[in-house]
Amino acid sequence: MNQLTELNLLPIAEAQFPSDWQSGELLDFLELQRGVDLPVQNRRDGNVPIFGSNGLLGFHDASVSEGPGVITGRSGTIGKVFYLEGKYWPLNTSLYVKDFKGNLPKFIYYKLDAIGLERFSTGTGVPTLNRNVAHKERVAFPPISEQQKIVAILTAVDGKLDVIARQIAATQYLRQGLMQALFSRGVGTQDGSGQWVPHAEFKDGELGEIPASWAAAKLNSHVNKVGSGVTPKGGSDSYLSYGIPLIRSQNVLVGRLSLDDVVFISPEQHKKMRNSALSPNDVLLNITGASIGRCAVLPADFDTGNVNQHVCIIRTEASLNPHFLCQYLNSEMGQKQVGRFQAGGNREGLNYQQIRSFDVPLPPVPEQHEIAKVLGCLDEKVEVLTSKQSHYQTLKRGLMQKLLTGEWRVSLDASATET
C-alpha cells in the first residue's frame, strides 16, 4: 500500500503518550448519553435513521441529534461503534456522544472503537455498558490538527474496505444468479469449433426444468464411496503438532478448505483409520452440527489424511465431476437436498443412506466441467478479494494501534493521499 507508506509516519520515543497530547479521563474529551426510547407504534415514516445497540433499526421523521453522530450499544450488544454524518435517533439501548468537547467526531469514533467499550459492561444476565465507568477511563488526545491527519488516514483505509466489500457482494450476487441458471439451463452443447451453443429443449422432472439432454440421478448411482471417520481414541490428547492431517468440520468451509487450525494424527493411527483415508478430489460434506451441508473438494495434489465422524467423504465415479457436485451441493438447490432430511430445524445430522439418496442433475461430463469452471472462477475472485479485505483490516488495526496512542506521529506537513 504505497500511498500510506508515503504519509511520513514518525515514531516517537518510548513514552505513555506524546508531550503535546492532552491526557485525562474520557469525560474530559467527550460525554456519553443514554439514548431515547421510541416504541415501534410511535415511529413515523421518515428518513432519520434509528440506531439501537446492533446498529440501524429503521427510520423516523424526527431526530434526537443533528449529527455528526457516534453511537454504541448500551445493553445487549456492546462494543460496536457507529458513525454517521446526518441527524439520527439513538434508542435507549444505545449510548451516543452528546458532547464532543471540541474534538473531531470521527476521531472520537475511531478512539472509542480502539478503546474497546465492552470492557466497561456490567451485569451477568443482559450486559450493560456503564457510561460512568467508561467516563473514568484514562486517555490521551492529540491536537485537532493531528486528529485531522489521523482521521484522513483511517478514512482512506475504510474507503478501500468499503470498495472491496462492494466488490465481494457484487461477485457473490453474480455467482448466486449464475448458479440458479447453470443448474437449470446449463451452458449448452459444443459445436464443431468448440463454442458452447445454449440448450434449446428442456424437460420437467424431480429437479424442476432441466435441459432435455440431462439426467436427474440419485447420487448413489455415481459414487463409489460414501463414508466418514472417527475421533481417535483419547480424543484431543491424540492430536499432534505434525503428522497426518485429520480434517474436521471446522476445516470444511463453503467451497474451500481452511487448514490453518488443522490437527494431526500419527501414522499408526492413520493406518487404524484406513476406512476414512482421503484421496485427491474427494468431496467432503459436513454432516452434523451448525455447519451441516458445507461442502469442499480436496485438491488434486492432496497427499494423505483422514476425516473424523463429522465429515463425510463422497468419492465420485468418472460420470460425476467432483467439483460440479460440490458446487451443486453448496447451491440453494443442493442445500434443499440437505434440508429435506432436517425437518423442524433440529439439524440432527445426515446418514449415509440419506446422502446416497440425494437427487442431482447429471449433464454430460464436459458440461459438468464447464459449469464447475465458471463457478470456480467466481469463487477464486471472491477468495482473492477476501484475502485483500483481510490485509486491509489487519492494516487498519495496526494503524489504529499506532496512531491513536501516539506511538506513530503523522507529520503535519504531509497530506493523506487516497488509496
Protein backbone atom coordinates (compact mmCIF):
# COMPACT_ATOMS: atom_id res chain seq x y z
CA MET A 1 0.00 0.00 0.00
CA ASN A 2 2.45 2.62 -1.25
CA GLN A 3 0.22 5.63 -0.64
CA LEU A 4 0.03 5.06 3.10
CA THR A 5 3.75 4.40 3.41
CA GLU A 6 4.30 7.88 1.97
CA LEU A 7 2.42 9.59 4.84
CA ASN A 8 5.61 10.29 6.83
CA LEU A 9 4.56 8.43 9.96
CA LEU A 10 7.09 9.34 12.61
CA PRO A 11 7.93 7.02 15.54
CA ILE A 12 8.24 8.63 18.95
CA ALA A 13 10.48 7.85 21.87
CA GLU A 14 9.16 5.34 24.38
CA ALA A 15 6.56 7.17 26.47
CA GLN A 16 3.00 6.74 27.57
CA PHE A 17 1.88 9.44 25.14
CA PRO A 18 3.46 12.40 23.28
CA SER A 19 4.16 15.54 25.30
CA ASP A 20 1.88 17.72 23.15
CA TRP A 21 -1.11 15.41 23.67
CA GLN A 22 -3.61 16.15 26.42
CA SER A 23 -4.40 13.39 28.90
CA GLY A 24 -7.23 12.90 31.34
CA GLU A 25 -10.41 10.94 31.85
CA LEU A 26 -12.60 10.13 28.86
CA LEU A 27 -15.22 12.54 30.22
CA ASP A 28 -12.71 15.37 29.75
CA PHE A 29 -12.89 14.81 25.97
CA LEU A 30 -16.47 13.65 25.34
CA GLU A 31 -19.74 12.91 27.10
CA LEU A 32 -21.78 9.77 26.51
CA GLN A 33 -25.56 9.99 26.92
CA ARG A 34 -28.23 7.31 27.07
CA GLY A 35 -30.50 7.20 24.01
CA VAL A 36 -34.22 7.93 23.95
CA ASP A 37 -36.95 5.29 23.85
CA LEU A 38 -39.12 5.22 20.73
CA PRO A 39 -41.74 2.42 20.74
CA VAL A 40 -42.47 0.88 17.35
CA GLN A 41 -46.06 2.13 17.39
CA ASN A 42 -44.81 5.71 17.73
CA ARG A 43 -42.46 5.61 14.77
CA ARG A 44 -43.50 7.51 11.67
CA ASP A 45 -42.30 7.32 8.07
CA GLY A 46 -39.26 9.47 7.52
CA ASN A 47 -35.58 9.45 6.57
CA VAL A 48 -33.98 9.86 10.02
CA PRO A 49 -32.11 6.64 10.92
CA ILE A 50 -32.96 4.92 14.21
CA PHE A 51 -30.00 3.27 15.94
CA GLY A 52 -30.04 0.59 18.63
CA SER A 53 -27.29 -1.50 20.16
CA ASN A 54 -26.88 -3.52 16.94
CA GLY A 55 -26.95 -0.57 14.58
CA LEU A 56 -29.60 0.67 12.15
CA LEU A 57 -33.12 -0.49 13.08
CA GLY A 58 -35.37 1.68 10.93
CA PHE A 59 -36.31 5.27 10.18
CA HIS A 60 -38.39 8.07 11.73
CA ASP A 61 -39.42 11.64 10.88
CA ALA A 62 -37.78 13.30 13.90
CA SER A 63 -34.30 13.26 15.43
CA VAL A 64 -32.63 13.42 18.84
CA SER A 65 -29.34 14.74 17.45
CA GLU A 66 -28.49 16.73 14.35
CA GLY A 67 -25.20 14.84 13.85
CA PRO A 68 -22.47 14.03 13.14
CA GLY A 69 -23.11 11.11 15.43
CA VAL A 70 -21.13 8.46 17.26
CA ILE A 71 -23.27 5.70 18.76
CA THR A 72 -22.56 2.47 20.61
CA GLY A 73 -24.56 -0.29 22.26
CA ARG A 74 -25.62 0.28 25.88
CA SER A 75 -27.35 -3.04 26.59
CA GLY A 76 -27.23 -6.43 24.90
CA THR A 77 -24.65 -5.99 22.16
CA ILE A 78 -21.77 -3.88 23.49
CA GLY A 79 -18.59 -2.79 21.75
CA LYS A 80 -19.76 -1.91 18.24
CA VAL A 81 -19.33 1.77 17.42
CA PHE A 82 -21.21 3.52 14.62
CA TYR A 83 -20.56 6.83 12.88
CA LEU A 84 -22.89 8.87 10.68
CA GLU A 85 -22.87 12.39 9.32
CA GLY A 86 -26.52 13.48 9.49
CA LYS A 87 -29.28 13.66 12.08
CA TYR A 88 -30.36 10.49 13.86
CA TRP A 89 -32.38 8.96 16.72
CA PRO A 90 -30.44 6.80 19.23
CA LEU A 91 -32.68 4.36 21.12
CA ASN A 92 -32.39 3.76 24.86
CA THR A 93 -30.49 0.52 24.17
CA SER A 94 -27.63 2.71 22.94
CA LEU A 95 -25.33 5.47 24.11
CA TYR A 96 -24.46 8.42 21.91
CA VAL A 97 -21.86 11.15 22.18
CA LYS A 98 -23.81 14.15 23.44
CA ASP A 99 -20.80 16.49 23.60
CA PHE A 100 -17.57 16.15 21.59
CA LYS A 101 -15.96 18.95 23.60
CA GLY A 102 -14.19 20.43 20.59
CA ASN A 103 -12.76 17.16 19.29
CA LEU A 104 -13.40 15.77 15.81
CA PRO A 105 -16.45 13.45 15.87
CA LYS A 106 -14.84 10.94 13.55
CA PHE A 107 -11.64 10.87 15.59
CA ILE A 108 -13.77 10.07 18.64
CA TYR A 109 -15.45 7.30 16.63
CA TYR A 110 -12.06 5.69 15.96
CA LYS A 111 -10.87 6.32 19.52
CA LEU A 112 -13.91 4.64 21.11
CA ASP A 113 -13.57 1.73 18.71
CA ALA A 114 -9.93 1.30 19.76
CA ILE A 115 -10.66 1.62 23.48
CA GLY A 116 -12.98 -1.41 23.47
CA LEU A 117 -16.07 -0.24 25.31
CA GLU A 118 -17.16 -3.82 26.03
CA ARG A 119 -14.64 -3.74 28.88
CA PHE A 120 -16.96 -1.47 30.82
CA SER A 121 -20.01 -3.75 30.78
CA THR A 122 -21.74 -4.75 33.98
CA GLY A 123 -24.38 -7.36 34.82
CA THR A 124 -24.44 -11.10 34.33
CA GLY A 125 -27.77 -11.53 32.52
CA VAL A 126 -28.00 -8.83 29.87
CA PRO A 127 -24.64 -6.98 29.77
CA THR A 128 -24.97 -3.20 30.14
CA LEU A 129 -22.36 -0.58 29.29
CA ASN A 130 -21.80 1.60 32.35
CA ARG A 131 -21.06 5.06 30.96
CA ASN A 132 -19.98 6.34 34.37
CA VAL A 133 -17.24 3.71 34.47
CA ALA A 134 -16.28 4.36 30.84
CA HIS A 135 -16.06 8.10 31.53
CA LYS A 136 -13.28 7.47 34.05
CA GLU A 137 -11.03 5.66 31.55
CA ARG A 138 -7.65 7.39 31.25
CA VAL A 139 -6.96 8.51 27.67
CA ALA A 140 -4.81 10.92 25.69
CA PHE A 141 -5.93 13.04 22.73
CA PRO A 142 -3.75 14.76 20.12
CA PRO A 143 -4.22 18.34 18.91
CA ILE A 144 -7.01 18.92 16.37
CA SER A 145 -4.51 19.22 13.50
CA GLU A 146 -3.18 15.73 14.26
CA GLN A 147 -6.70 14.36 14.77
CA GLN A 148 -7.48 15.54 11.23
CA LYS A 149 -4.47 13.72 9.76
CA ILE A 150 -5.22 10.51 11.66
CA VAL A 151 -8.85 10.61 10.55
CA ALA A 152 -7.76 11.14 6.93
CA ILE A 153 -5.51 8.08 7.03
CA LEU A 154 -8.04 5.77 8.68
CA THR A 155 -10.86 7.06 6.48
CA ALA A 156 -8.74 6.23 3.41
CA VAL A 157 -8.36 2.65 4.61
CA ASP A 158 -12.09 2.46 5.40
CA GLY A 159 -12.81 3.69 1.90
CA LYS A 160 -10.70 0.89 0.46
CA LEU A 161 -12.50 -1.64 2.67
CA ASP A 162 -15.88 -0.32 1.51
CA VAL A 163 -14.87 -0.75 -2.14
CA ILE A 164 -13.68 -4.32 -1.52
CA ALA A 165 -16.87 -5.16 0.41
CA ARG A 166 -18.99 -3.94 -2.52
CA GLN A 167 -16.88 -5.97 -4.95
CA ILE A 168 -17.34 -9.10 -2.84
CA ALA A 169 -21.10 -8.51 -2.58
CA ALA A 170 -21.41 -7.93 -6.34
CA THR A 171 -19.40 -11.06 -7.15
CA GLN A 172 -21.43 -13.18 -4.75
CA TYR A 173 -24.66 -11.80 -6.20
CA LEU A 174 -23.47 -12.64 -9.71
CA ARG A 175 -22.43 -16.11 -8.56
CA GLN A 176 -25.81 -16.75 -6.94
CA GLY A 177 -27.64 -15.79 -10.13
CA LEU A 178 -25.32 -17.89 -12.27
CA MET A 179 -25.81 -20.91 -10.03
CA GLN A 180 -29.56 -20.73 -10.50
CA ALA A 181 -29.14 -20.51 -14.25
CA LEU A 182 -26.35 -23.05 -14.69
CA PHE A 183 -28.05 -25.81 -12.67
CA SER A 184 -31.33 -25.38 -14.52
CA ARG A 185 -30.34 -24.13 -18.01
CA GLY A 186 -26.74 -25.35 -18.31
CA VAL A 187 -24.17 -23.87 -20.66
CA GLY A 188 -25.24 -25.84 -23.72
CA THR A 189 -23.52 -28.16 -26.13
CA GLN A 190 -20.27 -27.63 -28.01
CA ASP A 191 -20.31 -27.24 -31.75
CA GLY A 192 -17.56 -28.33 -34.13
CA SER A 193 -15.45 -25.28 -33.31
CA GLY A 194 -15.71 -25.85 -29.55
CA GLN A 195 -18.16 -22.98 -28.95
CA TRP A 196 -20.97 -23.53 -26.45
CA VAL A 197 -24.44 -23.38 -28.01
CA PRO A 198 -27.30 -22.86 -25.49
CA HIS A 199 -29.76 -25.70 -24.94
CA ALA A 200 -32.97 -25.39 -26.92
CA GLU A 201 -35.03 -28.22 -25.41
CA PHE A 202 -35.97 -28.72 -21.75
CA LYS A 203 -37.96 -31.19 -19.66
CA ASP A 204 -39.62 -31.24 -16.26
CA GLY A 205 -38.62 -33.71 -13.57
CA GLU A 206 -37.73 -34.18 -9.91
CA LEU A 207 -35.32 -31.24 -10.11
CA GLY A 208 -37.67 -28.95 -11.99
CA GLU A 209 -36.99 -27.88 -15.57
CA ILE A 210 -33.60 -29.00 -16.88
CA PRO A 211 -32.12 -29.44 -20.37
CA ALA A 212 -33.54 -32.43 -22.23
CA SER A 213 -30.06 -33.95 -22.61
CA TRP A 214 -29.52 -34.05 -18.83
CA ALA A 215 -30.42 -36.86 -16.47
CA ALA A 216 -31.78 -36.49 -12.95
CA ALA A 217 -29.96 -39.16 -10.96
CA LYS A 218 -29.60 -40.44 -7.43
CA LEU A 219 -26.16 -39.70 -6.03
CA ASN A 220 -25.77 -43.37 -5.13
CA SER A 221 -25.58 -44.30 -8.81
CA HIS A 222 -22.48 -42.18 -9.44
CA VAL A 223 -20.27 -42.61 -6.37
CA ASN A 224 -18.03 -45.44 -5.24
CA LYS A 225 -17.64 -44.27 -1.64
CA VAL A 226 -19.77 -42.52 0.97
CA GLY A 227 -18.37 -42.67 4.49
CA SER A 228 -16.76 -40.79 7.36
CA GLY A 229 -14.22 -41.39 10.10
CA VAL A 230 -13.99 -41.34 13.87
CA THR A 231 -12.34 -39.29 16.57
CA PRO A 232 -9.18 -41.18 17.60
CA LYS A 233 -9.23 -42.90 20.97
CA GLY A 234 -8.03 -40.43 23.55
CA GLY A 235 -9.81 -37.53 21.83
CA SER A 236 -7.84 -34.30 21.62
CA ASP A 237 -5.00 -35.91 23.59
CA SER A 238 -4.29 -37.96 20.45
CA TYR A 239 -3.72 -34.86 18.33
CA LEU A 240 -0.17 -33.97 17.32
CA SER A 241 1.51 -30.82 16.09
CA TYR A 242 2.64 -32.63 12.94
CA GLY A 243 1.89 -35.90 11.17
CA ILE A 244 -1.13 -37.00 9.14
CA PRO A 245 -3.80 -34.24 8.86
CA LEU A 246 -7.22 -35.01 10.35
CA ILE A 247 -9.92 -32.94 8.62
CA ARG A 248 -12.74 -31.81 10.93
CA SER A 249 -15.96 -29.91 10.22
CA GLN A 250 -14.37 -26.54 11.04
CA ASN A 251 -11.88 -27.16 8.23
CA VAL A 252 -14.63 -27.63 5.62
CA LEU A 253 -15.98 -24.27 4.51
CA VAL A 254 -18.29 -23.42 1.63
CA GLY A 255 -16.31 -24.37 -1.45
CA ARG A 256 -12.89 -24.41 0.18
CA LEU A 257 -10.79 -25.97 2.91
CA SER A 258 -9.27 -23.99 5.77
CA LEU A 259 -6.26 -25.83 7.16
CA ASP A 260 -4.99 -23.08 9.46
CA ASP A 261 -6.13 -24.96 12.57
CA VAL A 262 -5.89 -28.50 11.24
CA VAL A 263 -4.82 -31.17 13.74
CA PHE A 264 -2.61 -34.18 13.05
CA ILE A 265 -2.55 -37.84 13.98
CA SER A 266 0.24 -40.39 13.98
CA PRO A 267 0.95 -42.70 11.02
CA GLU A 268 -0.05 -45.62 13.26
CA GLN A 269 -3.44 -44.01 13.97
CA HIS A 270 -3.82 -43.28 10.27
CA LYS A 271 -3.44 -46.98 9.48
CA LYS A 272 -6.12 -47.84 12.04
CA MET A 273 -8.44 -45.33 10.33
CA ARG A 274 -7.87 -46.64 6.80
CA ASN A 275 -11.62 -46.56 6.06
CA SER A 276 -11.54 -42.78 6.38
CA ALA A 277 -8.32 -42.28 4.39
CA LEU A 278 -8.63 -39.44 1.89
CA SER A 279 -7.82 -39.31 -1.80
CA PRO A 280 -7.29 -36.33 -4.13
CA ASN A 281 -10.54 -34.79 -5.42
CA ASP A 282 -12.67 -36.31 -2.67
CA VAL A 283 -15.80 -34.28 -1.96
CA LEU A 284 -16.08 -33.50 1.76
CA LEU A 285 -19.50 -32.77 3.25
CA ASN A 286 -20.19 -31.71 6.83
CA ILE A 287 -22.93 -33.98 8.19
CA THR A 288 -23.51 -32.75 11.76
CA GLY A 289 -23.85 -29.57 13.79
CA ALA A 290 -24.28 -25.96 12.80
CA SER A 291 -22.08 -26.33 9.70
CA ILE A 292 -24.09 -29.21 8.26
CA GLY A 293 -24.20 -29.08 4.46
CA ARG A 294 -20.94 -27.20 3.93
CA CYS A 295 -19.01 -28.81 1.12
CA ALA A 296 -15.48 -28.60 -0.33
CA VAL A 297 -13.22 -30.63 -2.63
CA LEU A 298 -9.76 -31.88 -1.75
CA PRO A 299 -7.06 -30.50 -4.07
CA ALA A 300 -5.77 -32.74 -6.84
CA ASP A 301 -2.31 -32.67 -5.25
CA PHE A 302 -3.52 -33.63 -1.77
CA ASP A 303 -1.22 -36.25 -0.30
CA THR A 304 -2.88 -38.13 2.54
CA GLY A 305 -5.15 -37.58 5.52
CA ASN A 306 -8.32 -38.63 7.32
CA VAL A 307 -11.66 -37.19 8.41
CA ASN A 308 -13.47 -37.54 11.70
CA GLN A 309 -17.08 -38.61 12.17
CA HIS A 310 -18.48 -35.14 11.44
CA VAL A 311 -17.25 -35.09 7.83
CA CYS A 312 -18.44 -37.39 5.06
CA ILE A 313 -16.23 -38.47 2.16
CA ILE A 314 -18.03 -38.63 -1.21
CA ARG A 315 -15.80 -40.22 -3.83
CA THR A 316 -17.37 -39.87 -7.26
CA GLU A 317 -17.12 -42.06 -10.32
CA ALA A 318 -15.97 -40.75 -13.69
CA SER A 319 -19.56 -39.90 -14.62
CA LEU A 320 -19.77 -37.19 -11.94
CA ASN A 321 -17.25 -34.35 -11.75
CA PRO A 322 -16.41 -33.77 -8.04
CA HIS A 323 -16.19 -30.00 -8.45
CA PHE A 324 -19.56 -29.94 -10.20
CA LEU A 325 -21.07 -31.99 -7.36
CA CYS A 326 -19.57 -29.70 -4.73
CA GLN A 327 -20.89 -26.58 -6.46
CA TYR A 328 -24.32 -28.17 -6.68
CA LEU A 329 -24.39 -29.22 -3.03
CA ASN A 330 -23.40 -25.70 -1.96
CA SER A 331 -26.10 -24.13 -4.13
CA GLU A 332 -29.62 -23.30 -2.94
CA MET A 333 -30.90 -26.36 -4.78
CA GLY A 334 -28.30 -28.61 -3.22
CA GLN A 335 -28.96 -27.25 0.25
CA LYS A 336 -32.60 -28.21 -0.20
CA GLN A 337 -31.39 -31.80 -0.51
CA VAL A 338 -29.73 -31.40 2.88
CA GLY A 339 -32.71 -29.57 4.34
CA ARG A 340 -35.30 -32.17 3.45
CA PHE A 341 -33.71 -34.51 5.99
CA GLN A 342 -33.58 -31.82 8.65
CA ALA A 343 -37.30 -31.26 9.23
CA GLY A 344 -38.05 -28.93 12.10
CA GLY A 345 -34.59 -27.40 12.03
CA ASN A 346 -33.16 -29.84 14.58
CA ARG A 347 -30.09 -30.43 12.41
CA GLU A 348 -29.52 -33.86 13.92
CA GLY A 349 -27.22 -34.95 11.15
CA LEU A 350 -27.13 -36.79 7.86
CA ASN A 351 -26.59 -40.50 7.49
CA TYR A 352 -25.05 -42.30 4.54
CA GLN A 353 -28.37 -43.60 3.23
CA GLN A 354 -29.77 -40.07 3.09
CA ILE A 355 -26.70 -38.76 1.30
CA ARG A 356 -26.84 -41.57 -1.25
CA SER A 357 -30.47 -40.66 -1.94
CA PHE A 358 -29.70 -37.07 -2.93
CA ASP A 359 -31.16 -36.10 -6.32
CA VAL A 360 -28.52 -34.49 -8.52
CA PRO A 361 -28.59 -33.13 -12.08
CA LEU A 362 -26.32 -35.02 -14.43
CA PRO A 363 -25.24 -33.11 -17.54
CA PRO A 364 -22.70 -34.68 -19.88
CA VAL A 365 -19.26 -34.68 -18.25
CA PRO A 366 -17.79 -31.90 -20.47
CA GLU A 367 -20.69 -29.64 -19.50
CA GLN A 368 -20.25 -30.54 -15.82
CA HIS A 369 -16.63 -29.47 -16.11
CA GLU A 370 -17.55 -26.17 -17.79
CA ILE A 371 -20.18 -25.32 -15.16
CA ALA A 372 -17.71 -26.05 -12.36
CA LYS A 373 -15.07 -23.98 -14.15
CA VAL A 374 -17.33 -20.92 -14.48
CA LEU A 375 -18.39 -21.00 -10.85
CA GLY A 376 -14.85 -21.83 -9.73
CA CYS A 377 -13.54 -18.66 -11.39
CA LEU A 378 -16.00 -16.60 -9.35
CA ASP A 379 -15.00 -18.48 -6.20
CA GLU A 380 -11.38 -17.62 -6.89
CA LYS A 381 -12.28 -13.96 -7.37
CA VAL A 382 -14.13 -13.90 -4.02
CA GLU A 383 -11.19 -15.61 -2.35
CA VAL A 384 -8.73 -13.04 -3.74
CA LEU A 385 -10.99 -10.18 -2.64
CA THR A 386 -11.47 -11.73 0.79
CA SER A 387 -7.71 -12.07 1.22
CA LYS A 388 -7.31 -8.43 0.16
CA GLN A 389 -10.02 -7.43 2.65
CA SER A 390 -8.22 -9.29 5.43
CA HIS A 391 -5.00 -7.48 4.53
CA TYR A 392 -6.60 -4.04 4.83
CA GLN A 393 -8.41 -4.99 8.04
CA THR A 394 -5.07 -6.00 9.54
CA LEU A 395 -3.51 -2.80 8.25
CA LYS A 396 -6.29 -0.73 9.82
CA ARG A 397 -5.96 -2.46 13.19
CA GLY A 398 -2.22 -1.82 13.15
CA LEU A 399 -2.63 1.82 12.19
CA MET A 400 -5.25 2.37 14.89
CA GLN A 401 -2.96 0.85 17.49
CA LYS A 402 -0.03 3.05 16.48
CA LEU A 403 -1.74 6.31 15.54
CA LEU A 404 -4.37 6.54 18.27
CA THR A 405 -1.81 6.01 21.01
CA GLY A 406 0.80 8.36 19.58
CA GLU A 407 3.33 5.58 19.03
CA TRP A 408 3.45 6.79 15.43
CA ARG A 409 3.19 10.51 14.72
CA VAL A 410 1.89 11.99 11.50
CA SER A 411 3.99 14.74 10.00
CA LEU A 412 1.62 17.70 9.83
CA ASP A 413 3.08 18.91 6.53
CA ALA A 414 2.18 15.54 4.92
CA SER A 415 -1.12 15.05 3.15
CA ALA A 416 -3.12 11.82 3.32
CA THR A 417 -3.44 10.59 -0.23
CA GLU A 418 -6.35 8.43 -1.33
CA THR A 419 -5.86 4.67 -1.52
